[in-house]
Amino acid sequence: MVASAIVMRRAIAYLSTPILTVFFMQEFLVLTFEQFLFILLNYSSTSNKERGNPD
């Protein structure tokens, strides 16, 4: 219990540093943007296939 509390405090201390927070936010935004583009491309390609090929 004591060890986990220390680890949690360290994690909070690390996350509270602005540089790391910005870095994590950047990574998160890049990942979500890539997922969004991937879904968009898949959607457009499947809709084009459905329009082109009736079977």
PDB file of N, CA and C in Angstrom:
ATOM      1  N   MET A   1       0.832  -1.213   0.000  1.00  0.00           N
ATOM      2  CA  MET A   1       0.000   0.000   0.000  1.00  0.00           C
ATOM      3  C   MET A   1       0.867   1.263   0.000  1.00  0.00           C
ATOM      4  N   VAL A   2       1.894   1.264   0.850  1.00  0.00           N
ATOM      5  CA  VAL A   2       2.773   2.439   0.923  1.00  0.00           C
ATOM      6  C   VAL A   2       3.531   2.617  -0.378  1.00  0.00           C
ATOM      7  N   ALA A   3       4.011   1.507  -0.956  1.00  0.00           N
ATOM      8  CA  ALA A   3       4.780   1.572  -2.195  1.00  0.00           C
ATOM      9  C   ALA A   3       3.914   2.117  -3.329  1.00  0.00           C
ATOM     10  N   SER A   4       2.672   1.658  -3.409  1.00  0.00           N
ATOM     11  CA  SER A   4       1.793   2.129  -4.490  1.00  0.00           C
ATOM     12  C   SER A   4       1.498   3.622  -4.338  1.00  0.00           C
ATOM     13  N   ALA A   5       1.378   4.074  -3.092  1.00  0.00           N
ATOM     14  CA  ALA A   5       1.136   5.497  -2.856  1.00  0.00           C
ATOM     15  C   ALA A   5       2.327   6.323  -3.327  1.00  0.00           C
ATOM     16  N   ILE A   6       3.533   5.829  -3.056  1.00  0.00           N
ATOM     17  CA  ILE A   6       4.745   6.538  -3.496  1.00  0.00           C
ATOM     18  C   ILE A   6       4.798   6.574  -5.023  1.00  0.00           C
ATOM     19  N   VAL A   7       4.484   5.451  -5.657  1.00  0.00           N
ATOM     20  CA  VAL A   7       4.494   5.393  -7.125  1.00  0.00           C
ATOM     21  C   VAL A   7       3.468   6.360  -7.697  1.00  0.00           C
ATOM     22  N   MET A   8       2.289   6.407  -7.081  1.00  0.00           N
ATOM     23  CA  MET A   8       1.249   7.322  -7.551  1.00  0.00           C
ATOM     24  C   MET A   8       1.708   8.770  -7.416  1.00  0.00           C
ATOM     25  N   ARG A   9       2.330   9.089  -6.282  1.00  0.00           N
ATOM     26  CA  ARG A   9       2.816  10.456  -6.083  1.00  0.00           C
ATOM     27  C   ARG A   9       3.878  10.814  -7.126  1.00  0.00           C
ATOM     28  N   ARG A  10       4.762   9.857  -7.411  1.00  0.00           N
ATOM     29  CA  ARG A  10       5.788  10.103  -8.429  1.00  0.00           C
ATOM     30  C   ARG A  10       5.158  10.305  -9.792  1.00  0.00           C
ATOM     31  N   ALA A  11       4.165   9.485 -10.129  1.00  0.00           N
ATOM     32  CA  ALA A  11       3.492   9.606 -11.423  1.00  0.00           C
ATOM     33  C   ALA A  11       2.816  10.971 -11.543  1.00  0.00           C
ATOM     34  N   ILE A  12       2.155  11.416 -10.472  1.00  0.00           N
ATOM     35  CA  ILE A  12       1.493  12.726 -10.485  1.00  0.00           C
ATOM     36  C   ILE A  12       2.530  13.829 -10.639  1.00  0.00           C
ATOM     37  N   ALA A  13       3.667  13.686  -9.936  1.00  0.00           N
ATOM     38  CA  ALA A  13       4.732  14.688 -10.028  1.00  0.00           C
ATOM     39  C   ALA A  13       5.279  14.760 -11.459  1.00  0.00           C
ATOM     40  N   TYR A  14       5.473  13.581 -12.069  1.00  0.00           N
ATOM     41  CA  TYR A  14       5.969  13.566 -13.451  1.00  0.00           C
ATOM     42  C   TYR A  14       4.956  14.204 -14.398  1.00  0.00           C
ATOM     43  N   LEU A  15       3.659  13.865 -14.204  1.00  0.00           N
ATOM     44  CA  LEU A  15       2.632  14.386 -15.100  1.00  0.00           C
ATOM     45  C   LEU A  15       2.425  15.885 -14.903  1.00  0.00           C
ATOM     46  N   SER A  16       2.709  16.372 -13.711  1.00  0.00           N
ATOM     47  CA  SER A  16       2.490  17.795 -13.436  1.00  0.00           C
ATOM     48  C   SER A  16       3.562  18.667 -14.078  1.00  0.00           C
ATOM     49  N   THR A  17       4.682  18.068 -14.497  1.00  0.00           N
ATOM     50  CA  THR A  17       5.691  18.860 -15.201  1.00  0.00           C
ATOM     51  C   THR A  17       5.171  19.203 -16.592  1.00  0.00           C
ATOM     52  N   PRO A  18       5.182  20.468 -16.979  1.00  0.00           N
ATOM     53  CA  PRO A  18       4.510  20.884 -18.207  1.00  0.00           C
ATOM     54  C   PRO A  18       5.089  20.273 -19.473  1.00  0.00           C
ATOM     55  N   ILE A  19       6.402  20.044 -19.502  1.00  0.00           N
ATOM     56  CA  ILE A  19       7.021  19.505 -20.726  1.00  0.00           C
ATOM     57  C   ILE A  19       6.457  18.126 -21.042  1.00  0.00           C
ATOM     58  N   LEU A  20       6.400  17.266 -20.032  1.00  0.00           N
ATOM     59  CA  LEU A  20       5.874  15.920 -20.251  1.00  0.00           C
ATOM     60  C   LEU A  20       4.395  15.967 -20.592  1.00  0.00           C
ATOM     61  N   THR A  21       3.658  16.865 -19.950  1.00  0.00           N
ATOM     62  CA  THR A  21       2.232  16.979 -20.236  1.00  0.00           C
ATOM     63  C   THR A  21       2.022  17.366 -21.698  1.00  0.00           C
ATOM     64  N   VAL A  22       2.784  18.344 -22.164  1.00  0.00           N
ATOM     65  CA  VAL A  22       2.692  18.761 -23.566  1.00  0.00           C
ATOM     66  C   VAL A  22       3.049  17.594 -24.488  1.00  0.00           C
ATOM     67  N   PHE A  23       4.088  16.852 -24.133  1.00  0.00           N
ATOM     68  CA  PHE A  23       4.518  15.725 -24.949  1.00  0.00           C
ATOM     69  C   PHE A  23       3.422  14.676 -25.048  1.00  0.00           C
ATOM     70  N   PHE A  24       2.827  14.315 -23.897  1.00  0.00           N
ATOM     71  CA  PHE A  24       1.761  13.317 -23.904  1.00  0.00           C
ATOM     72  C   PHE A  24       0.553  13.819 -24.688  1.00  0.00           C
ATOM     73  N   MET A  25       0.218  15.092 -24.525  1.00  0.00           N
ATOM     74  CA  MET A  25      -0.918  15.659 -25.261  1.00  0.00           C
ATOM     75  C   MET A  25      -0.648  15.606 -26.762  1.00  0.00           C
ATOM     76  N   GLN A  26       0.585  15.937 -27.166  1.00  0.00           N
ATOM     77  CA  GLN A  26       0.950  15.898 -28.573  1.00  0.00           C
ATOM     78  C   GLN A  26       0.815  14.486 -29.130  1.00  0.00           C
ATOM     79  N   GLU A  27       1.358  13.507 -28.403  1.00  0.00           N
ATOM     80  CA  GLU A  27       1.257  12.110 -28.831  1.00  0.00           C
ATOM     81  C   GLU A  27      -0.199  11.698 -28.976  1.00  0.00           C
ATOM     82  N   PHE A  28      -1.012  12.075 -27.995  1.00  0.00           N
ATOM     83  CA  PHE A  28      -2.427  11.709 -28.003  1.00  0.00           C
ATOM     84  C   PHE A  28      -3.129  12.332 -29.206  1.00  0.00           C
ATOM     85  N   LEU A  29      -2.850  13.615 -29.464  1.00  0.00           N
ATOM     86  CA  LEU A  29      -3.486  14.306 -30.588  1.00  0.00           C
ATOM     87  C   LEU A  29      -3.067  13.691 -31.913  1.00  0.00           C
ATOM     88  N   VAL A  30      -1.779  13.368 -32.047  1.00  0.00           N
ATOM     89  CA  VAL A  30      -1.287  12.753 -33.282  1.00  0.00           C
ATOM     90  C   VAL A  30      -1.959  11.403 -33.504  1.00  0.00           C
ATOM     91  N   LEU A  31      -2.065  10.598 -32.447  1.00  0.00           N
ATOM     92  CA  LEU A  31      -2.691   9.281 -32.567  1.00  0.00           C
ATOM     93  C   LEU A  31      -4.159   9.409 -32.979  1.00  0.00           C
ATOM     94  N   THR A  32      -4.894  10.313 -32.329  1.00  0.00           N
ATOM     95  CA  THR A  32      -6.313  10.462 -32.657  1.00  0.00           C
ATOM     96  C   THR A  32      -6.472  10.994 -34.080  1.00  0.00           C
ATOM     97  N   PHE A  33      -5.580  11.910 -34.496  1.00  0.00           N
ATOM     98  CA  PHE A  33      -5.647  12.450 -35.850  1.00  0.00           C
ATOM     99  C   PHE A  33      -5.384  11.366 -36.890  1.00  0.00           C
ATOM    100  N   GLU A  34      -4.391  10.496 -36.608  1.00  0.00           N
ATOM    101  CA  GLU A  34      -4.095   9.390 -37.524  1.00  0.00           C
ATOM    102  C   GLU A  34      -5.277   8.427 -37.607  1.00  0.00           C
ATOM    103  N   GLN A  35      -5.886   8.117 -36.467  1.00  0.00           N
ATOM    104  CA  GLN A  35      -7.060   7.238 -36.458  1.00  0.00           C
ATOM    105  C   GLN A  35      -8.185   7.857 -37.269  1.00  0.00           C
ATOM    106  N   PHE A  36      -8.397   9.166 -37.101  1.00  0.00           N
ATOM    107  CA  PHE A  36      -9.447   9.867 -37.829  1.00  0.00           C
ATOM    108  C   PHE A  36      -9.203   9.786 -39.335  1.00  0.00           C
ATOM    109  N   LEU A  37      -7.973  10.047 -39.760  1.00  0.00           N
ATOM    110  CA  LEU A  37      -7.639   9.961 -41.184  1.00  0.00           C
ATOM    111  C   LEU A  37      -7.826   8.543 -41.704  1.00  0.00           C
ATOM    112  N   PHE A  38      -7.400   7.550 -40.919  1.00  0.00           N
ATOM    113  CA  PHE A  38      -7.514   6.152 -41.317  1.00  0.00           C
ATOM    114  C   PHE A  38      -8.978   5.772 -41.520  1.00  0.00           C
ATOM    115  N   ILE A  39      -9.830   6.162 -40.567  1.00  0.00           N
ATOM    116  CA  ILE A  39     -11.267   5.866 -40.676  1.00  0.00           C
ATOM    117  C   ILE A  39     -11.849   6.587 -41.890  1.00  0.00           C
ATOM    118  N   LEU A  40     -11.453   7.825 -42.093  1.00  0.00           N
ATOM    119  CA  LEU A  40     -11.964   8.611 -43.221  1.00  0.00           C
ATOM    120  C   LEU A  40     -11.578   7.957 -44.548  1.00  0.00           C
ATOM    121  N   LEU A  41     -10.312   7.549 -44.665  1.00  0.00           N
ATOM    122  CA  LEU A  41      -9.857   6.908 -45.901  1.00  0.00           C
ATOM    123  C   LEU A  41     -10.572   5.582 -46.126  1.00  0.00           C
ATOM    124  N   ASN A  42     -10.728   4.790 -45.079  1.00  0.00           N
ATOM    125  CA  ASN A  42     -11.429   3.510 -45.207  1.00  0.00           C
ATOM    126  C   ASN A  42     -12.869   3.736 -45.640  1.00  0.00           C
ATOM    127  N   TYR A  43     -13.517   4.723 -45.040  1.00  0.00           N
ATOM    128  CA  TYR A  43     -14.917   5.001 -45.361  1.00  0.00           C
ATOM    129  C   TYR A  43     -15.057   5.423 -46.820  1.00  0.00           C
ATOM    130  N   SER A  44     -14.184   6.313 -47.273  1.00  0.00           N
ATOM    131  CA  SER A  44     -14.279   6.806 -48.648  1.00  0.00           C
ATOM    132  C   SER A  44     -13.980   5.681 -49.642  1.00  0.00           C
ATOM    133  N   SER A  45     -12.992   4.836 -49.341  1.00  0.00           N
ATOM    134  CA  SER A  45     -12.634   3.761 -50.272  1.00  0.00           C
ATOM    135  C   SER A  45     -13.749   2.720 -50.340  1.00  0.00           C
ATOM    136  N   THR A  46     -14.356   2.381 -49.210  1.00  0.00           N
ATOM    137  CA  THR A  46     -15.436   1.391 -49.226  1.00  0.00           C
ATOM    138  C   THR A  46     -16.657   1.946 -49.941  1.00  0.00           C
ATOM    139  N   SER A  47     -16.973   3.224 -49.734  1.00  0.00           N
ATOM    140  CA  SER A  47     -18.137   3.803 -50.399  1.00  0.00           C
ATOM    141  C   SER A  47     -17.894   3.869 -51.912  1.00  0.00           C
ATOM    142  N   ASN A  48     -16.657   4.153 -52.327  1.00  0.00           N
ATOM    143  CA  ASN A  48     -16.344   4.166 -53.760  1.00  0.00           C
ATOM    144  C   ASN A  48     -16.485   2.771 -54.356  1.00  0.00           C
ATOM    145  N   LYS A  49     -16.005   1.757 -53.641  1.00  0.00           N
ATOM    146  CA  LYS A  49     -16.130   0.384 -54.124  1.00  0.00           C
ATOM    147  C   LYS A  49     -17.597  -0.002 -54.262  1.00  0.00           C
ATOM    148  N   GLU A  50     -18.407   0.374 -53.274  1.00  0.00           N
ATOM    149  CA  GLU A  50     -19.826   0.031 -53.320  1.00  0.00           C
ATOM    150  C   GLU A  50     -20.505   0.733 -54.499  1.00  0.00           C
ATOM    151  N   ARG A  51     -20.091   1.954 -54.781  1.00  0.00           N
ATOM    152  CA  ARG A  51     -20.669   2.672 -55.923  1.00  0.00           C
ATOM    153  C   ARG A  51     -20.231   2.028 -57.243  1.00  0.00           C
ATOM    154  N   GLY A  52     -18.948   1.626 -57.327  1.00  0.00           N
ATOM    155  CA  GLY A  52     -18.423   1.093 -58.575  1.00  0.00           C
ATOM    156  C   GLY A  52     -18.869  -0.333 -58.840  1.00  0.00           C
ATOM    157  N   ASN A  53     -18.844  -1.180 -57.802  1.00  0.00           N
ATOM    158  CA  ASN A  53     -19.160  -2.597 -57.998  1.00  0.00           C
ATOM    159  C   ASN A  53     -20.493  -2.931 -57.339  1.00  0.00           C
ATOM    160  N   PRO A  54     -21.499  -3.284 -58.129  1.00  0.00           N
ATOM    161  CA  PRO A  54     -22.774  -3.662 -57.496  1.00  0.00           C
ATOM    162  C   PRO A  54     -22.684  -4.976 -56.735  1.00  0.00           C
ATOM    163  N   ASP A  55     -21.809  -5.900 -57.198  1.00  0.00           N
ATOM    164  CA  ASP A  55     -21.649  -7.160 -56.469  1.00  0.00           C
ATOM    165  C   ASP A  55     -20.595  -6.928 -55.378  1.00  0.00           C
TER     166      ASP A  55
END
